[in-house]
Structures are given as C-alpha cells and as structure tokens.
Amino acid sequence: MIVNGKPAEDFAGTLLEYLQQHGYRHDCVVVERGGEIITHEQFACVQLQADDALNILHFMGGG
C-alpha cells in the first residue's frame, strides 16, 4: 500500500479504521484513492487493499 507517496504497511480493515489507528480525525481529512475522492460517508465501507494508493489531506487550523 502507498500512502501520500510513501510505502506503508498493508492494512486489513476499512479506511475509517486505518484513519483512526494512524491518528487522523476522519472529519478533518479528504482521502483520494486511485484518482477518486472517497466521501466521509464511505470511510466505514471502503476495505483497503494491498495495492491501494491513498492520498490523505489533513486540514489544520491556525493563525
């Protein structure tokens, strides 16, 4: 699996589980897989595969 352009461990589970395990707030990210944006409503349904390439954009506030 590739995450943000870097090799990552293969993960057996859903996208939501992956995000939670890696400390992402699922309500503050946008995820693209294989050229398609995955909606927040789909996170719990999307099963990750070994050949997935994910781009995870995490929004941060600040001033």
N, C-alpha and C. Protein backbone atom coordinates (compact mmCIF):
# COMPACT_ATOMS: atom_id res chain seq x y z
N MET A 1 0.85 -1.16 0.00
CA MET A 1 0.00 0.00 0.00
C MET A 1 0.90 1.23 0.00
N ILE A 2 0.47 2.25 -0.69
CA ILE A 2 1.18 3.52 -0.75
C ILE A 2 0.28 4.58 -0.12
N VAL A 3 0.82 5.36 0.82
CA VAL A 3 0.07 6.43 1.46
C VAL A 3 0.88 7.72 1.33
N ASN A 4 0.27 8.71 0.71
CA ASN A 4 0.92 10.00 0.48
C ASN A 4 2.28 9.84 -0.20
N GLY A 5 2.33 8.93 -1.18
CA GLY A 5 3.53 8.74 -1.98
C GLY A 5 4.62 7.89 -1.35
N LYS A 6 4.38 7.36 -0.15
CA LYS A 6 5.39 6.55 0.53
C LYS A 6 4.85 5.15 0.82
N PRO A 7 5.73 4.15 0.73
CA PRO A 7 5.28 2.79 1.07
C PRO A 7 4.77 2.74 2.51
N ALA A 8 3.68 2.03 2.71
CA ALA A 8 3.09 1.87 4.04
C ALA A 8 2.77 0.40 4.23
N GLU A 9 2.62 0.01 5.49
CA GLU A 9 2.22 -1.37 5.77
C GLU A 9 0.86 -1.66 5.15
N ASP A 10 0.72 -2.86 4.63
CA ASP A 10 -0.61 -3.28 4.18
C ASP A 10 -1.52 -3.29 5.40
N PHE A 11 -2.77 -2.97 5.19
CA PHE A 11 -3.71 -2.84 6.29
C PHE A 11 -4.96 -3.62 5.97
N ALA A 12 -5.32 -4.54 6.82
CA ALA A 12 -6.55 -5.32 6.64
C ALA A 12 -7.64 -4.67 7.46
N GLY A 13 -8.47 -3.90 6.81
CA GLY A 13 -9.56 -3.23 7.50
C GLY A 13 -10.14 -2.14 6.63
N THR A 14 -10.99 -1.34 7.24
CA THR A 14 -11.64 -0.27 6.49
C THR A 14 -10.79 1.00 6.52
N LEU A 15 -11.11 1.91 5.65
CA LEU A 15 -10.43 3.20 5.62
C LEU A 15 -10.63 3.92 6.95
N LEU A 16 -11.83 3.88 7.50
CA LEU A 16 -12.10 4.53 8.78
C LEU A 16 -11.19 3.96 9.87
N GLU A 17 -11.05 2.65 9.92
CA GLU A 17 -10.18 2.02 10.92
C GLU A 17 -8.73 2.45 10.73
N TYR A 18 -8.29 2.54 9.48
CA TYR A 18 -6.93 2.98 9.19
C TYR A 18 -6.71 4.40 9.70
N LEU A 19 -7.64 5.28 9.38
CA LEU A 19 -7.51 6.68 9.81
C LEU A 19 -7.45 6.77 11.33
N GLN A 20 -8.33 6.06 12.00
CA GLN A 20 -8.35 6.10 13.47
C GLN A 20 -7.06 5.55 14.05
N GLN A 21 -6.56 4.45 13.49
CA GLN A 21 -5.34 3.83 14.01
C GLN A 21 -4.11 4.71 13.81
N HIS A 22 -4.14 5.56 12.80
CA HIS A 22 -2.98 6.39 12.49
C HIS A 22 -3.16 7.84 12.96
N GLY A 23 -4.15 8.07 13.81
CA GLY A 23 -4.30 9.36 14.47
C GLY A 23 -4.93 10.48 13.66
N TYR A 24 -5.58 10.13 12.55
CA TYR A 24 -6.28 11.15 11.75
C TYR A 24 -7.68 11.35 12.31
N ARG A 25 -8.11 12.59 12.34
CA ARG A 25 -9.52 12.88 12.64
C ARG A 25 -10.28 12.75 11.33
N HIS A 26 -11.15 11.75 11.25
CA HIS A 26 -11.82 11.48 9.98
C HIS A 26 -12.68 12.63 9.49
N ASP A 27 -13.08 13.52 10.39
CA ASP A 27 -13.89 14.66 9.98
C ASP A 27 -13.04 15.82 9.46
N CYS A 28 -11.71 15.68 9.52
CA CYS A 28 -10.80 16.75 9.09
C CYS A 28 -9.88 16.31 7.95
N VAL A 29 -10.26 15.25 7.24
CA VAL A 29 -9.42 14.77 6.15
C VAL A 29 -10.23 14.62 4.87
N VAL A 30 -9.49 14.67 3.77
CA VAL A 30 -10.02 14.29 2.46
C VAL A 30 -9.13 13.16 2.00
N VAL A 31 -9.74 12.10 1.48
CA VAL A 31 -8.97 10.93 1.04
C VAL A 31 -9.27 10.66 -0.42
N GLU A 32 -8.18 10.47 -1.18
CA GLU A 32 -8.28 10.11 -2.58
C GLU A 32 -7.65 8.73 -2.74
N ARG A 33 -8.35 7.85 -3.42
CA ARG A 33 -7.84 6.50 -3.68
C ARG A 33 -8.01 6.22 -5.16
N GLY A 34 -6.90 5.95 -5.81
CA GLY A 34 -6.95 5.60 -7.24
C GLY A 34 -7.58 6.68 -8.10
N GLY A 35 -7.38 7.93 -7.75
CA GLY A 35 -7.91 9.03 -8.55
C GLY A 35 -9.32 9.46 -8.20
N GLU A 36 -9.93 8.82 -7.22
CA GLU A 36 -11.30 9.17 -6.83
C GLU A 36 -11.35 9.60 -5.38
N ILE A 37 -12.10 10.65 -5.12
CA ILE A 37 -12.32 11.12 -3.75
C ILE A 37 -13.30 10.18 -3.06
N ILE A 38 -12.96 9.80 -1.84
CA ILE A 38 -13.85 8.96 -1.04
C ILE A 38 -14.57 9.87 -0.06
N THR A 39 -15.89 9.81 -0.05
CA THR A 39 -16.67 10.68 0.84
C THR A 39 -16.58 10.17 2.27
N HIS A 40 -16.81 11.06 3.22
CA HIS A 40 -16.78 10.69 4.64
C HIS A 40 -17.76 9.56 4.93
N GLU A 41 -18.90 9.57 4.26
CA GLU A 41 -19.91 8.53 4.47
C GLU A 41 -19.42 7.15 4.02
N GLN A 42 -18.45 7.10 3.13
CA GLN A 42 -17.94 5.84 2.61
C GLN A 42 -16.77 5.27 3.44
N PHE A 43 -16.17 6.05 4.30
CA PHE A 43 -14.97 5.63 5.03
C PHE A 43 -15.15 4.27 5.72
N ALA A 44 -16.29 4.04 6.33
CA ALA A 44 -16.52 2.80 7.08
C ALA A 44 -16.79 1.61 6.16
N CYS A 45 -17.08 1.86 4.89
CA CYS A 45 -17.41 0.78 3.95
C CYS A 45 -16.24 0.39 3.05
N VAL A 46 -15.27 1.28 2.90
CA VAL A 46 -14.17 1.03 1.97
C VAL A 46 -13.13 0.12 2.62
N GLN A 47 -13.00 -1.09 2.06
CA GLN A 47 -11.99 -2.05 2.52
C GLN A 47 -10.68 -1.75 1.79
N LEU A 48 -9.62 -1.56 2.56
CA LEU A 48 -8.33 -1.27 1.95
C LEU A 48 -7.69 -2.53 1.41
N GLN A 49 -6.97 -2.37 0.30
CA GLN A 49 -6.31 -3.47 -0.39
C GLN A 49 -4.80 -3.21 -0.44
N ALA A 50 -4.02 -4.26 -0.58
CA ALA A 50 -2.56 -4.14 -0.60
C ALA A 50 -2.06 -3.25 -1.73
N ASP A 51 -2.79 -3.20 -2.84
CA ASP A 51 -2.34 -2.40 -3.98
C ASP A 51 -2.94 -0.99 -4.02
N ASP A 52 -3.58 -0.57 -2.94
CA ASP A 52 -4.17 0.78 -2.88
C ASP A 52 -3.09 1.85 -2.81
N ALA A 53 -3.38 2.97 -3.44
CA ALA A 53 -2.56 4.17 -3.32
C ALA A 53 -3.48 5.26 -2.79
N LEU A 54 -3.22 5.72 -1.57
CA LEU A 54 -4.05 6.73 -0.92
C LEU A 54 -3.31 8.06 -0.82
N ASN A 55 -4.04 9.12 -0.98
CA ASN A 55 -3.56 10.46 -0.65
C ASN A 55 -4.50 10.98 0.43
N ILE A 56 -3.93 11.30 1.57
CA ILE A 56 -4.72 11.79 2.70
C ILE A 56 -4.31 13.22 2.96
N LEU A 57 -5.27 14.12 2.84
CA LEU A 57 -5.04 15.54 3.12
C LEU A 57 -5.71 15.86 4.45
N HIS A 58 -4.91 16.37 5.37
CA HIS A 58 -5.39 16.67 6.72
C HIS A 58 -5.45 18.18 6.89
N PHE A 59 -6.60 18.70 7.22
CA PHE A 59 -6.78 20.13 7.39
C PHE A 59 -6.38 20.56 8.79
N MET A 60 -5.68 21.66 8.87
CA MET A 60 -5.23 22.17 10.16
C MET A 60 -5.65 23.64 10.27
N GLY A 61 -6.00 24.03 11.46
CA GLY A 61 -6.32 25.43 11.70
C GLY A 61 -5.11 26.13 12.30
N GLY A 62 -5.17 27.39 12.31
CA GLY A 62 -4.07 28.14 12.92
C GLY A 62 -4.12 29.59 12.47
N GLY A 63 -3.19 30.32 12.97
CA GLY A 63 -3.18 31.73 12.61
C GLY A 63 -1.82 32.32 12.65
